[in-house]
């Protein structure tokens, strides 16, 4: 092969290799990174709601609850339940959970189940 053929072969191989690499990176981005980012956002939302309601959660309510206290408790319960549901649903959309769990990037499914059911 002369220099012209070598240059043409090299450019074609580079173009094909770059296209394959781009396809693989987009595949990983769509199946792993975007769901992982959404999961992290829901973790932050859940922590934000817990911090927001921390004072009310740790307050001791009287043994006889007023209608306002019941409404407050129901509102807190609904908000935390909504956050836990979002956490669980975004966790199921993440691919390669075993690998990410072993790398301690995401929590185990048992911990997510505890947060969801609690």
PDB file of N, CA and C in Angstrom:
ATOM      1  N   UNK A   1       0.837  -1.180   0.000  1.00  0.00           N
ATOM      2  CA  UNK A   1       0.000   0.000   0.000  1.00  0.00           C
ATOM      3  C   UNK A   1       0.879   1.240   0.000  1.00  0.00           C
ATOM      4  N   UNK A   2       0.441   2.202  -0.746  1.00  0.00           N
ATOM      5  CA  UNK A   2       1.184   3.460  -0.737  1.00  0.00           C
ATOM      6  C   UNK A   2       0.585   4.396   0.307  1.00  0.00           C
ATOM      7  N   UNK A   3       1.127   5.568   0.448  1.00  0.00           N
ATOM      8  CA  UNK A   3       0.712   6.517   1.485  1.00  0.00           C
ATOM      9  C   UNK A   3      -0.738   6.952   1.323  1.00  0.00           C
ATOM     10  N   UNK A   4      -1.187   7.093   0.080  1.00  0.00           N
ATOM     11  CA  UNK A   4      -2.553   7.528  -0.162  1.00  0.00           C
ATOM     12  C   UNK A   4      -3.549   6.476   0.319  1.00  0.00           C
ATOM     13  N   UNK A   5      -3.309   5.229   0.042  1.00  0.00           N
ATOM     14  CA  UNK A   5      -4.188   4.142   0.478  1.00  0.00           C
ATOM     15  C   UNK A   5      -4.151   3.982   1.998  1.00  0.00           C
ATOM     16  N   UNK A   6      -2.998   4.134   2.581  1.00  0.00           N
ATOM     17  CA  UNK A   6      -2.870   4.049   4.042  1.00  0.00           C
ATOM     18  C   UNK A   6      -3.655   5.160   4.719  1.00  0.00           C
ATOM     19  N   UNK A   7      -3.565   6.354   4.192  1.00  0.00           N
ATOM     20  CA  UNK A   7      -4.296   7.486   4.762  1.00  0.00           C
ATOM     21  C   UNK A   7      -5.802   7.270   4.636  1.00  0.00           C
ATOM     22  N   UNK A   8      -6.255   6.771   3.504  1.00  0.00           N
ATOM     23  CA  UNK A   8      -7.677   6.513   3.296  1.00  0.00           C
ATOM     24  C   UNK A   8      -8.163   5.413   4.240  1.00  0.00           C
ATOM     25  N   UNK A   9      -7.406   4.351   4.374  1.00  0.00           N
ATOM     26  CA  UNK A   9      -7.769   3.264   5.276  1.00  0.00           C
ATOM     27  C   UNK A   9      -7.809   3.742   6.727  1.00  0.00           C
ATOM     28  N   UNK A  10      -6.834   4.538   7.121  1.00  0.00           N
ATOM     29  CA  UNK A  10      -6.778   5.058   8.485  1.00  0.00           C
ATOM     30  C   UNK A  10      -7.969   5.964   8.774  1.00  0.00           C
ATOM     31  N   UNK A  11      -8.309   6.844   7.817  1.00  0.00           N
ATOM     32  CA  UNK A  11      -9.455   7.724   8.045  1.00  0.00           C
ATOM     33  C   UNK A  11     -10.756   6.955   8.109  1.00  0.00           C
ATOM     34  N   UNK A  12     -10.916   5.924   7.278  1.00  0.00           N
ATOM     35  CA  UNK A  12     -12.136   5.128   7.318  1.00  0.00           C
ATOM     36  C   UNK A  12     -12.229   4.365   8.639  1.00  0.00           C
ATOM     37  N   UNK A  13     -11.124   3.796   9.090  1.00  0.00           N
ATOM     38  CA  UNK A  13     -11.123   3.065  10.360  1.00  0.00           C
ATOM     39  C   UNK A  13     -11.413   4.003  11.529  1.00  0.00           C
ATOM     40  N   UNK A  14     -10.878   5.208  11.473  1.00  0.00           N
ATOM     41  CA  UNK A  14     -11.128   6.196  12.531  1.00  0.00           C
ATOM     42  C   UNK A  14     -12.593   6.605  12.546  1.00  0.00           C
ATOM     43  N   UNK A  15     -13.179   6.826  11.387  1.00  0.00           N
ATOM     44  CA  UNK A  15     -14.587   7.204  11.291  1.00  0.00           C
ATOM     45  C   UNK A  15     -15.491   6.092  11.805  1.00  0.00           C
ATOM     46  N   UNK A  16     -15.223   4.873  11.402  1.00  0.00           N
ATOM     47  CA  UNK A  16     -16.030   3.735  11.857  1.00  0.00           C
ATOM     48  C   UNK A  16     -15.857   3.521  13.361  1.00  0.00           C
ATOM     49  N   UNK A  17     -14.617   3.579  13.832  1.00  0.00           N
ATOM     50  CA  UNK A  17     -14.362   3.410  15.271  1.00  0.00           C
ATOM     51  C   UNK A  17     -15.012   4.507  16.093  1.00  0.00           C
ATOM     52  N   UNK A  18     -14.947   5.732  15.634  1.00  0.00           N
ATOM     53  CA  UNK A  18     -15.574   6.851  16.342  1.00  0.00           C
ATOM     54  C   UNK A  18     -17.082   6.722  16.386  1.00  0.00           C
ATOM     55  N   UNK A  19     -17.679   6.260  15.285  1.00  0.00           N
ATOM     56  CA  UNK A  19     -19.128   6.059  15.248  1.00  0.00           C
ATOM     57  C   UNK A  19     -19.559   4.965  16.215  1.00  0.00           C
ATOM     58  N   UNK A  20     -18.807   3.887  16.246  1.00  0.00           N
ATOM     59  CA  UNK A  20     -19.122   2.799  17.183  1.00  0.00           C
ATOM     60  C   UNK A  20     -18.963   3.264  18.621  1.00  0.00           C
ATOM     61  N   UNK A  21     -17.904   3.983  18.909  1.00  0.00           N
ATOM     62  CA  UNK A  21     -17.677   4.498  20.265  1.00  0.00           C
ATOM     63  C   UNK A  21     -18.767   5.477  20.674  1.00  0.00           C
ATOM     64  N   UNK A  22     -19.189   6.333  19.750  1.00  0.00           N
ATOM     65  CA  UNK A  22     -20.273   7.270  20.039  1.00  0.00           C
ATOM     66  C   UNK A  22     -21.565   6.523  20.328  1.00  0.00           C
ATOM     67  N   UNK A  23     -21.852   5.482  19.547  1.00  0.00           N
ATOM     68  CA  UNK A  23     -23.062   4.695  19.767  1.00  0.00           C
ATOM     69  C   UNK A  23     -23.061   4.011  21.118  1.00  0.00           C
ATOM     70  N   UNK A  24     -21.933   3.452  21.488  1.00  0.00           N
ATOM     71  CA  UNK A  24     -21.821   2.790  22.794  1.00  0.00           C
ATOM     72  C   UNK A  24     -21.983   3.793  23.930  1.00  0.00           C
ATOM     73  N   UNK A  25     -21.374   4.961  23.788  1.00  0.00           N
ATOM     74  CA  UNK A  25     -21.480   5.968  24.853  1.00  0.00           C
ATOM     75  C   UNK A  25     -22.914   6.479  24.990  1.00  0.00           C
ATOM     76  N   UNK A  26     -23.622   6.659  23.892  1.00  0.00           N
ATOM     77  CA  UNK A  26     -25.026   7.076  23.956  1.00  0.00           C
ATOM     78  C   UNK A  26     -25.889   5.985  24.581  1.00  0.00           C
ATOM     79  N   UNK A  27     -25.603   4.743  24.265  1.00  0.00           N
ATOM     80  CA  UNK A  27     -26.325   3.618  24.838  1.00  0.00           C
ATOM     81  C   UNK A  27     -26.151   3.596  26.357  1.00  0.00           C
ATOM     82  N   UNK A  28     -24.924   3.769  26.820  1.00  0.00           N
ATOM     83  CA  UNK A  28     -24.649   3.788  28.260  1.00  0.00           C
ATOM     84  C   UNK A  28     -25.297   5.002  28.910  1.00  0.00           C
ATOM     85  N   UNK A  29     -25.254   6.130  28.233  1.00  0.00           N
ATOM     86  CA  UNK A  29     -25.840   7.354  28.778  1.00  0.00           C
ATOM     87  C   UNK A  29     -27.340   7.194  28.976  1.00  0.00           C
ATOM     88  N   UNK A  30     -28.016   6.644  27.978  1.00  0.00           N
ATOM     89  CA  UNK A  30     -29.469   6.512  28.048  1.00  0.00           C
ATOM     90  C   UNK A  30     -29.897   5.438  29.043  1.00  0.00           C
ATOM     91  N   UNK A  31     -29.188   4.328  29.083  1.00  0.00           N
ATOM     92  CA  UNK A  31     -29.614   3.219  29.939  1.00  0.00           C
ATOM     93  C   UNK A  31     -29.089   3.284  31.366  1.00  0.00           C
ATOM     94  N   UNK A  32     -28.003   4.009  31.602  1.00  0.00           N
ATOM     95  CA  UNK A  32     -27.419   4.018  32.946  1.00  0.00           C
ATOM     96  C   UNK A  32     -27.344   5.425  33.529  1.00  0.00           C
ATOM     97  N   UNK A  33     -26.715   6.343  32.842  1.00  0.00           N
ATOM     98  CA  UNK A  33     -26.417   7.636  33.441  1.00  0.00           C
ATOM     99  C   UNK A  33     -27.646   8.514  33.672  1.00  0.00           C
ATOM    100  N   UNK A  34     -28.552   8.589  32.709  1.00  0.00           N
ATOM    101  CA  UNK A  34     -29.744   9.420  32.890  1.00  0.00           C
ATOM    102  C   UNK A  34     -30.650   8.869  33.989  1.00  0.00           C
ATOM    103  N   UNK A  35     -30.956   7.541  34.016  1.00  0.00           N
ATOM    104  CA  UNK A  35     -31.733   7.024  35.151  1.00  0.00           C
ATOM    105  C   UNK A  35     -31.019   7.199  36.499  1.00  0.00           C
ATOM    106  N   UNK A  36     -29.698   7.078  36.507  1.00  0.00           N
ATOM    107  CA  UNK A  36     -28.944   7.279  37.741  1.00  0.00           C
ATOM    108  C   UNK A  36     -29.053   8.726  38.207  1.00  0.00           C
ATOM    109  N   UNK A  37     -29.013   9.655  37.284  1.00  0.00           N
ATOM    110  CA  UNK A  37     -29.159  11.073  37.632  1.00  0.00           C
ATOM    111  C   UNK A  37     -30.560  11.344  38.197  1.00  0.00           C
ATOM    112  N   UNK A  38     -31.587  10.772  37.580  1.00  0.00           N
ATOM    113  CA  UNK A  38     -32.948  10.947  38.092  1.00  0.00           C
ATOM    114  C   UNK A  38     -33.098  10.316  39.474  1.00  0.00           C
ATOM    115  N   UNK A  39     -32.451   9.168  39.699  1.00  0.00           N
ATOM    116  CA  UNK A  39     -32.494   8.528  41.014  1.00  0.00           C
ATOM    117  C   UNK A  39     -31.854   9.426  42.065  1.00  0.00           C
ATOM    118  N   UNK A  40     -30.707  10.000  41.724  1.00  0.00           N
ATOM    119  CA  UNK A  40     -30.031  10.905  42.672  1.00  0.00           C
ATOM    120  C   UNK A  40     -30.894  12.126  42.982  1.00  0.00           C
ATOM    121  N   UNK A  41     -31.616  12.629  41.981  1.00  0.00           N
ATOM    122  CA  UNK A  41     -32.517  13.763  42.210  1.00  0.00           C
ATOM    123  C   UNK A  41     -33.623  13.377  43.187  1.00  0.00           C
ATOM    124  N   UNK A  42     -34.156  12.145  43.062  1.00  0.00           N
ATOM    125  CA  UNK A  42     -35.202  11.699  43.981  1.00  0.00           C
ATOM    126  C   UNK A  42     -34.649  11.459  45.383  1.00  0.00           C
ATOM    127  N   UNK A  43     -33.413  11.002  45.483  1.00  0.00           N
ATOM    128  CA  UNK A  43     -32.794  10.870  46.800  1.00  0.00           C
ATOM    129  C   UNK A  43     -32.695  12.242  47.459  1.00  0.00           C
ATOM    130  N   UNK A  44     -32.259  13.229  46.703  1.00  0.00           N
ATOM    131  CA  UNK A  44     -32.157  14.594  47.242  1.00  0.00           C
ATOM    132  C   UNK A  44     -33.525  15.144  47.624  1.00  0.00           C
ATOM    133  N   UNK A  45     -34.543  14.857  46.813  1.00  0.00           N
ATOM    134  CA  UNK A  45     -35.898  15.301  47.122  1.00  0.00           C
ATOM    135  C   UNK A  45     -36.394  14.661  48.411  1.00  0.00           C
ATOM    136  N   UNK A  46     -36.128  13.376  48.577  1.00  0.00           N
ATOM    137  CA  UNK A  46     -36.538  12.675  49.794  1.00  0.00           C
ATOM    138  C   UNK A  46     -35.828  13.243  51.021  1.00  0.00           C
ATOM    139  N   UNK A  47     -34.524  13.463  50.901  1.00  0.00           N
ATOM    140  CA  UNK A  47     -33.780  14.048  52.017  1.00  0.00           C
ATOM    141  C   UNK A  47     -34.258  15.462  52.326  1.00  0.00           C
ATOM    142  N   UNK A  48     -34.593  16.212  51.299  1.00  0.00           N
ATOM    143  CA  UNK A  48     -35.106  17.565  51.488  1.00  0.00           C
ATOM    144  C   UNK A  48     -36.430  17.539  52.249  1.00  0.00           C
ATOM    145  N   UNK A  49     -37.305  16.626  51.874  1.00  0.00           N
ATOM    146  CA  UNK A  49     -38.587  16.531  52.574  1.00  0.00           C
ATOM    147  C   UNK A  49     -38.414  16.085  54.012  1.00  0.00           C
ATOM    148  N   UNK A  50     -37.484  15.170  54.263  1.00  0.00           N
ATOM    149  CA  UNK A  50     -37.234  14.738  55.642  1.00  0.00           C
ATOM    150  C   UNK A  50     -36.672  15.890  56.459  1.00  0.00           C
ATOM    151  N   UNK A  51     -35.729  16.652  55.888  1.00  0.00           N
ATOM    152  CA  UNK A  51     -35.193  17.817  56.592  1.00  0.00           C
ATOM    153  C   UNK A  51     -36.279  18.862  56.846  1.00  0.00           C
ATOM    154  N   UNK A  52     -37.143  19.054  55.866  1.00  0.00           N
ATOM    155  CA  UNK A  52     -38.207  20.049  55.993  1.00  0.00           C
ATOM    156  C   UNK A  52     -39.170  19.686  57.116  1.00  0.00           C
ATOM    157  N   UNK A  53     -39.506  18.403  57.219  1.00  0.00           N
ATOM    158  CA  UNK A  53     -40.466  17.957  58.229  1.00  0.00           C
ATOM    159  C   UNK A  53     -39.804  17.454  59.507  1.00  0.00           C
ATOM    160  N   UNK A  54     -38.505  17.592  59.655  1.00  0.00           N
ATOM    161  CA  UNK A  54     -37.801  17.030  60.818  1.00  0.00           C
ATOM    162  C   UNK A  54     -38.353  17.552  62.136  1.00  0.00           C
ATOM    163  N   UNK A  55     -38.615  18.825  62.207  1.00  0.00           N
ATOM    164  CA  UNK A  55     -39.124  19.402  63.450  1.00  0.00           C
ATOM    165  C   UNK A  55     -40.507  18.851  63.773  1.00  0.00           C
ATOM    166  N   UNK A  56     -41.353  18.734  62.764  1.00  0.00           N
ATOM    167  CA  UNK A  56     -42.695  18.213  63.016  1.00  0.00           C
ATOM    168  C   UNK A  56     -42.684  16.719  63.298  1.00  0.00           C
ATOM    169  N   UNK A  57     -41.797  15.996  62.649  1.00  0.00           N
ATOM    170  CA  UNK A  57     -41.733  14.541  62.853  1.00  0.00           C
ATOM    171  C   UNK A  57     -41.282  14.222  64.272  1.00  0.00           C
ATOM    172  N   UNK A  58     -40.326  14.987  64.777  1.00  0.00           N
ATOM    173  CA  UNK A  58     -39.783  14.696  66.109  1.00  0.00           C
ATOM    174  C   UNK A  58     -40.609  15.294  67.242  1.00  0.00           C
ATOM    175  N   UNK A  59     -41.573  16.146  66.936  1.00  0.00           N
ATOM    176  CA  UNK A  59     -42.452  16.669  67.976  1.00  0.00           C
ATOM    177  C   UNK A  59     -43.357  15.565  68.493  1.00  0.00           C
ATOM    178  N   UNK A  60     -43.616  15.627  69.771  1.00  0.00           N
ATOM    179  CA  UNK A  60     -44.551  14.670  70.351  1.00  0.00           C
ATOM    180  C   UNK A  60     -45.935  15.286  70.298  1.00  0.00           C
ATOM    181  N   UNK A  61     -46.824  14.582  69.657  1.00  0.00           N
ATOM    182  CA  UNK A  61     -48.190  15.059  69.578  1.00  0.00           C
ATOM    183  C   UNK A  61     -48.937  14.615  70.824  1.00  0.00           C
ATOM    184  N   UNK A  62     -49.919  15.357  71.232  1.00  0.00           N
ATOM    185  CA  UNK A  62     -50.688  14.944  72.417  1.00  0.00           C
ATOM    186  C   UNK A  62     -51.429  13.627  72.132  1.00  0.00           C
ATOM    187  N   UNK A  63     -51.812  12.938  73.207  1.00  0.00           N
ATOM    188  CA  UNK A  63     -52.483  11.652  73.027  1.00  0.00           C
ATOM    189  C   UNK A  63     -53.823  11.820  72.327  1.00  0.00           C
ATOM    190  N   UNK A  64     -54.461  12.956  72.547  1.00  0.00           N
ATOM    191  CA  UNK A  64     -55.706  13.258  71.846  1.00  0.00           C
ATOM    192  C   UNK A  64     -55.375  14.252  70.739  1.00  0.00           C
ATOM    193  N   UNK A  65     -55.445  13.783  69.492  1.00  0.00           N
ATOM    194  CA  UNK A  65     -55.070  14.630  68.360  1.00  0.00           C
ATOM    195  C   UNK A  65     -56.228  15.512  67.928  1.00  0.00           C
ATOM    196  N   UNK A  66     -55.889  16.745  67.667  1.00  0.00           N
ATOM    197  CA  UNK A  66     -56.899  17.646  67.112  1.00  0.00           C
ATOM    198  C   UNK A  66     -57.000  17.392  65.608  1.00  0.00           C
ATOM    199  N   UNK A  67     -57.989  17.986  64.993  1.00  0.00           N
ATOM    200  CA  UNK A  67     -58.173  17.824  63.541  1.00  0.00           C
ATOM    201  C   UNK A  67     -56.992  18.423  62.794  1.00  0.00           C
ATOM    202  N   UNK A  68     -56.440  19.505  63.307  1.00  0.00           N
ATOM    203  CA  UNK A  68     -55.282  20.138  62.665  1.00  0.00           C
ATOM    204  C   UNK A  68     -54.043  19.244  62.760  1.00  0.00           C
ATOM    205  N   UNK A  69     -53.846  18.601  63.923  1.00  0.00           N
ATOM    206  CA  UNK A  69     -52.713  17.679  64.074  1.00  0.00           C
ATOM    207  C   UNK A  69     -52.842  16.476  63.134  1.00  0.00           C
ATOM    208  N   UNK A  70     -54.051  15.949  63.005  1.00  0.00           N
ATOM    209  CA  UNK A  70     -54.271  14.821  62.092  1.00  0.00           C
ATOM    210  C   UNK A  70     -54.003  15.227  60.641  1.00  0.00           C
ATOM    211  N   UNK A  71     -54.435  16.423  60.305  1.00  0.00           N
ATOM    212  CA  UNK A  71     -54.209  16.906  58.947  1.00  0.00           C
ATOM    213  C   UNK A  71     -52.711  17.087  58.694  1.00  0.00           C
ATOM    214  N   UNK A  72     -51.981  17.602  59.666  1.00  0.00           N
ATOM    215  CA  UNK A  72     -50.538  17.772  59.544  1.00  0.00           C
ATOM    216  C   UNK A  72     -49.846  16.427  59.373  1.00  0.00           C
ATOM    217  N   UNK A  73     -50.222  15.450  60.187  1.00  0.00           N
ATOM    218  CA  UNK A  73     -49.628  14.113  60.096  1.00  0.00           C
ATOM    219  C   UNK A  73     -49.944  13.475  58.749  1.00  0.00           C
ATOM    220  N   UNK A  74     -51.165  13.613  58.292  1.00  0.00           N
ATOM    221  CA  UNK A  74     -51.541  13.048  56.994  1.00  0.00           C
ATOM    222  C   UNK A  74     -50.781  13.722  55.847  1.00  0.00           C
ATOM    223  N   UNK A  75     -50.557  15.031  55.945  1.00  0.00           N
ATOM    224  CA  UNK A  75     -49.802  15.752  54.915  1.00  0.00           C
ATOM    225  C   UNK A  75     -48.343  15.282  54.890  1.00  0.00           C
ATOM    226  N   UNK A  76     -47.746  15.137  56.062  1.00  0.00           N
ATOM    227  CA  UNK A  76     -46.363  14.648  56.149  1.00  0.00           C
ATOM    228  C   UNK A  76     -46.285  13.235  55.585  1.00  0.00           C
ATOM    229  N   UNK A  77     -47.215  12.378  55.976  1.00  0.00           N
ATOM    230  CA  UNK A  77     -47.232  11.000  55.500  1.00  0.00           C
ATOM    231  C   UNK A  77     -47.377  10.952  53.978  1.00  0.00           C
ATOM    232  N   UNK A  78     -48.250  11.773  53.430  1.00  0.00           N
ATOM    233  CA  UNK A  78     -48.460  11.781  51.976  1.00  0.00           C
ATOM    234  C   UNK A  78     -47.212  12.268  51.238  1.00  0.00           C
ATOM    235  N   UNK A  79     -46.570  13.314  51.750  1.00  0.00           N
ATOM    236  CA  UNK A  79     -45.364  13.830  51.093  1.00  0.00           C
ATOM    237  C   UNK A  79     -44.218  12.820  51.143  1.00  0.00           C
ATOM    238  N   UNK A  80     -44.005  12.204  52.298  1.00  0.00           N
ATOM    239  CA  UNK A  80     -42.933  11.215  52.413  1.00  0.00           C
ATOM    240  C   UNK A  80     -43.245   9.959  51.612  1.00  0.00           C
ATOM    241  N   UNK A  81     -44.505   9.576  51.535  1.00  0.00           N
ATOM    242  CA  UNK A  81     -44.891   8.411  50.735  1.00  0.00           C
ATOM    243  C   UNK A  81     -44.673   8.688  49.251  1.00  0.00           C
ATOM    244  N   UNK A  82     -44.983   9.914  48.842  1.00  0.00           N
ATOM    245  CA  UNK A  82     -44.751  10.307  47.451  1.00  0.00           C
ATOM    246  C   UNK A  82     -43.263  10.268  47.114  1.00  0.00           C
ATOM    247  N   UNK A  83     -42.437  10.752  48.027  1.00  0.00           N
ATOM    248  CA  UNK A  83     -40.985  10.733  47.803  1.00  0.00           C
ATOM    249  C   UNK A  83     -40.465   9.298  47.737  1.00  0.00           C
ATOM    250  N   UNK A  84     -40.962   8.424  48.607  1.00  0.00           N
ATOM    251  CA  UNK A  84     -40.523   7.027  48.608  1.00  0.00           C
ATOM    252  C   UNK A  84     -40.964   6.307  47.340  1.00  0.00           C
ATOM    253  N   UNK A  85     -42.146   6.621  46.851  1.00  0.00           N
ATOM    254  CA  UNK A  85     -42.621   6.009  45.611  1.00  0.00           C
ATOM    255  C   UNK A  85     -41.759   6.445  44.437  1.00  0.00           C
ATOM    256  N   UNK A  86     -41.425   7.727  44.382  1.00  0.00           N
ATOM    257  CA  UNK A  86     -40.540   8.222  43.319  1.00  0.00           C
ATOM    258  C   UNK A  86     -39.168   7.585  43.396  1.00  0.00           C
ATOM    259  N   UNK A  87     -38.690   7.386  44.600  1.00  0.00           N
ATOM    260  CA  UNK A  87     -37.392   6.746  44.806  1.00  0.00           C
ATOM    261  C   UNK A  87     -37.414   5.313  44.275  1.00  0.00           C
ATOM    262  N   UNK A  88     -38.449   4.585  44.602  1.00  0.00           N
ATOM    263  CA  UNK A  88     -38.557   3.200  44.166  1.00  0.00           C
ATOM    264  C   UNK A  88     -38.735   3.090  42.649  1.00  0.00           C
ATOM    265  N   UNK A  89     -39.545   3.949  42.072  1.00  0.00           N
ATOM    266  CA  UNK A  89     -39.795   3.845  40.624  1.00  0.00           C
ATOM    267  C   UNK A  89     -38.568   4.238  39.813  1.00  0.00           C
ATOM    268  N   UNK A  90     -37.806   5.229  40.262  1.00  0.00           N
ATOM    269  CA  UNK A  90     -36.600   5.587  39.519  1.00  0.00           C
ATOM    270  C   UNK A  90     -35.505   4.535  39.711  1.00  0.00           C
ATOM    271  N   UNK A  91     -35.518   3.844  40.838  1.00  0.00           N
ATOM    272  CA  UNK A  91     -34.534   2.780  41.068  1.00  0.00           C
ATOM    273  C   UNK A  91     -34.747   1.631  40.091  1.00  0.00           C
ATOM    274  N   UNK A  92     -35.991   1.310  39.807  1.00  0.00           N
ATOM    275  CA  UNK A  92     -36.262   0.202  38.895  1.00  0.00           C
ATOM    276  C   UNK A  92     -35.852   0.522  37.461  1.00  0.00           C
ATOM    277  N   UNK A  93     -35.735   1.788  37.113  1.00  0.00           N
ATOM    278  CA  UNK A  93     -35.367   2.145  35.735  1.00  0.00           C
ATOM    279  C   UNK A  93     -33.860   2.095  35.491  1.00  0.00           C
ATOM    280  N   UNK A  94     -33.059   1.898  36.533  1.00  0.00           N
ATOM    281  CA  UNK A  94     -31.601   1.871  36.383  1.00  0.00           C
ATOM    282  C   UNK A  94     -31.162   0.491  35.905  1.00  0.00           C
ATOM    283  N   UNK A  95     -30.375   0.469  34.842  1.00  0.00           N
ATOM    284  CA  UNK A  95     -29.804  -0.786  34.343  1.00  0.00           C
ATOM    285  C   UNK A  95     -28.480  -1.038  35.065  1.00  0.00           C
ATOM    286  N   UNK A  96     -28.007  -2.252  35.031  1.00  0.00           N
ATOM    287  CA  UNK A  96     -26.741  -2.667  35.651  1.00  0.00           C
ATOM    288  C   UNK A  96     -26.732  -2.399  37.153  1.00  0.00           C
ATOM    289  N   UNK A  97     -27.861  -2.698  37.840  1.00  0.00           N
ATOM    290  CA  UNK A  97     -27.966  -2.429  39.273  1.00  0.00           C
ATOM    291  C   UNK A  97     -26.935  -3.202  40.087  1.00  0.00           C
ATOM    292  N   UNK A  98     -26.696  -4.460  39.726  1.00  0.00           N
ATOM    293  CA  UNK A  98     -25.739  -5.267  40.501  1.00  0.00           C
ATOM    294  C   UNK A  98     -24.354  -4.645  40.482  1.00  0.00           C
ATOM    295  N   UNK A  99     -23.915  -4.239  39.308  1.00  0.00           N
ATOM    296  CA  UNK A  99     -22.589  -3.634  39.189  1.00  0.00           C
ATOM    297  C   UNK A  99     -22.520  -2.328  39.966  1.00  0.00           C
ATOM    298  N   UNK A 100     -23.525  -1.495  39.816  1.00  0.00           N
ATOM    299  CA  UNK A 100     -23.527  -0.205  40.513  1.00  0.00           C
ATOM    300  C   UNK A 100     -23.654  -0.381  42.023  1.00  0.00           C
ATOM    301  N   UNK A 101     -24.363  -1.425  42.458  1.00  0.00           N
ATOM    302  CA  UNK A 101     -24.474  -1.706  43.891  1.00  0.00           C
ATOM    303  C   UNK A 101     -23.137  -2.185  44.443  1.00  0.00           C
ATOM    304  N   UNK A 102     -22.452  -3.054  43.701  1.00  0.00           N
ATOM    305  CA  UNK A 102     -21.143  -3.539  44.151  1.00  0.00           C
ATOM    306  C   UNK A 102     -20.112  -2.420  44.204  1.00  0.00           C
ATOM    307  N   UNK A 103     -20.244  -1.439  43.334  1.00  0.00           N
ATOM    308  CA  UNK A 103     -19.339  -0.285  43.345  1.00  0.00           C
ATOM    309  C   UNK A 103     -19.772   0.779  44.356  1.00  0.00           C
ATOM    310  N   UNK A 104     -20.869   0.515  45.081  1.00  0.00           N
ATOM    311  CA  UNK A 104     -21.424   1.424  46.091  1.00  0.00           C
ATOM    312  C   UNK A 104     -21.819   2.777  45.489  1.00  0.00           C
ATOM    313  N   UNK A 105     -22.288   2.747  44.268  1.00  0.00           N
ATOM    314  CA  UNK A 105     -22.789   3.968  43.630  1.00  0.00           C
ATOM    315  C   UNK A 105     -24.258   4.158  43.971  1.00  0.00           C
ATOM    316  N   UNK A 106     -24.983   3.054  44.036  1.00  0.00           N
ATOM    317  CA  UNK A 106     -26.389   3.096  44.444  1.00  0.00           C
ATOM    318  C   UNK A 106     -26.586   2.119  45.594  1.00  0.00           C
ATOM    319  N   UNK A 107     -27.623   2.325  46.413  1.00  0.00           N
ATOM    320  CA  UNK A 107     -27.876   1.393  47.509  1.00  0.00           C
ATOM    321  C   UNK A 107     -28.457   0.079  46.987  1.00  0.00           C
ATOM    322  N   UNK A 108     -28.452  -0.922  47.837  1.00  0.00           N
ATOM    323  CA  UNK A 108     -28.981  -2.222  47.446  1.00  0.00           C
ATOM    324  C   UNK A 108     -30.500  -2.165  47.348  1.00  0.00           C
ATOM    325  N   UNK A 109     -31.061  -3.148  46.679  1.00  0.00           N
ATOM    326  CA  UNK A 109     -32.514  -3.175  46.514  1.00  0.00           C
ATOM    327  C   UNK A 109     -33.220  -3.396  47.859  1.00  0.00           C
ATOM    328  N   UNK A 110     -32.553  -4.063  48.793  1.00  0.00           N
ATOM    329  CA  UNK A 110     -33.140  -4.249  50.124  1.00  0.00           C
ATOM    330  C   UNK A 110     -33.297  -2.909  50.842  1.00  0.00           C
ATOM    331  N   UNK A 111     -32.296  -2.040  50.715  1.00  0.00           N
ATOM    332  CA  UNK A 111     -32.380  -0.730  51.348  1.00  0.00           C
ATOM    333  C   UNK A 111     -33.461   0.132  50.696  1.00  0.00           C
ATOM    334  N   UNK A 112     -33.596   0.033  49.393  1.00  0.00           N
ATOM    335  CA  UNK A 112     -34.659   0.771  48.710  1.00  0.00           C
ATOM    336  C   UNK A 112     -36.016   0.257  49.132  1.00  0.00           C
ATOM    337  N   UNK A 113     -36.138  -1.060  49.294  1.00  0.00           N
ATOM    338  CA  UNK A 113     -37.408  -1.643  49.738  1.00  0.00           C
ATOM    339  C   UNK A 113     -37.755  -1.180  51.151  1.00  0.00           C
ATOM    340  N   UNK A 114     -36.734  -1.063  52.021  1.00  0.00           N
ATOM    341  CA  UNK A 114     -36.982  -0.565  53.384  1.00  0.00           C
ATOM    342  C   UNK A 114     -37.478   0.876  53.338  1.00  0.00           C
ATOM    343  N   UNK A 115     -36.857   1.696  52.516  1.00  0.00           N
ATOM    344  CA  UNK A 115     -37.279   3.096  52.402  1.00  0.00           C
ATOM    345  C   UNK A 115     -38.690   3.181  51.801  1.00  0.00           C
ATOM    346  N   UNK A 116     -38.979   2.317  50.857  1.00  0.00           N
ATOM    347  CA  UNK A 116     -40.276   2.340  50.192  1.00  0.00           C
ATOM    348  C   UNK A 116     -41.384   1.880  51.139  1.00  0.00           C
ATOM    349  N   UNK A 117     -41.129   0.808  51.864  1.00  0.00           N
ATOM    350  CA  UNK A 117     -42.174   0.282  52.734  1.00  0.00           C
ATOM    351  C   UNK A 117     -42.285   1.038  54.048  1.00  0.00           C
ATOM    352  N   UNK A 118     -41.202   1.715  54.445  1.00  0.00           N
ATOM    353  CA  UNK A 118     -41.226   2.453  55.717  1.00  0.00           C
ATOM    354  C   UNK A 118     -41.883   3.786  55.565  1.00  0.00           C
TER     355      UNK A 118
END
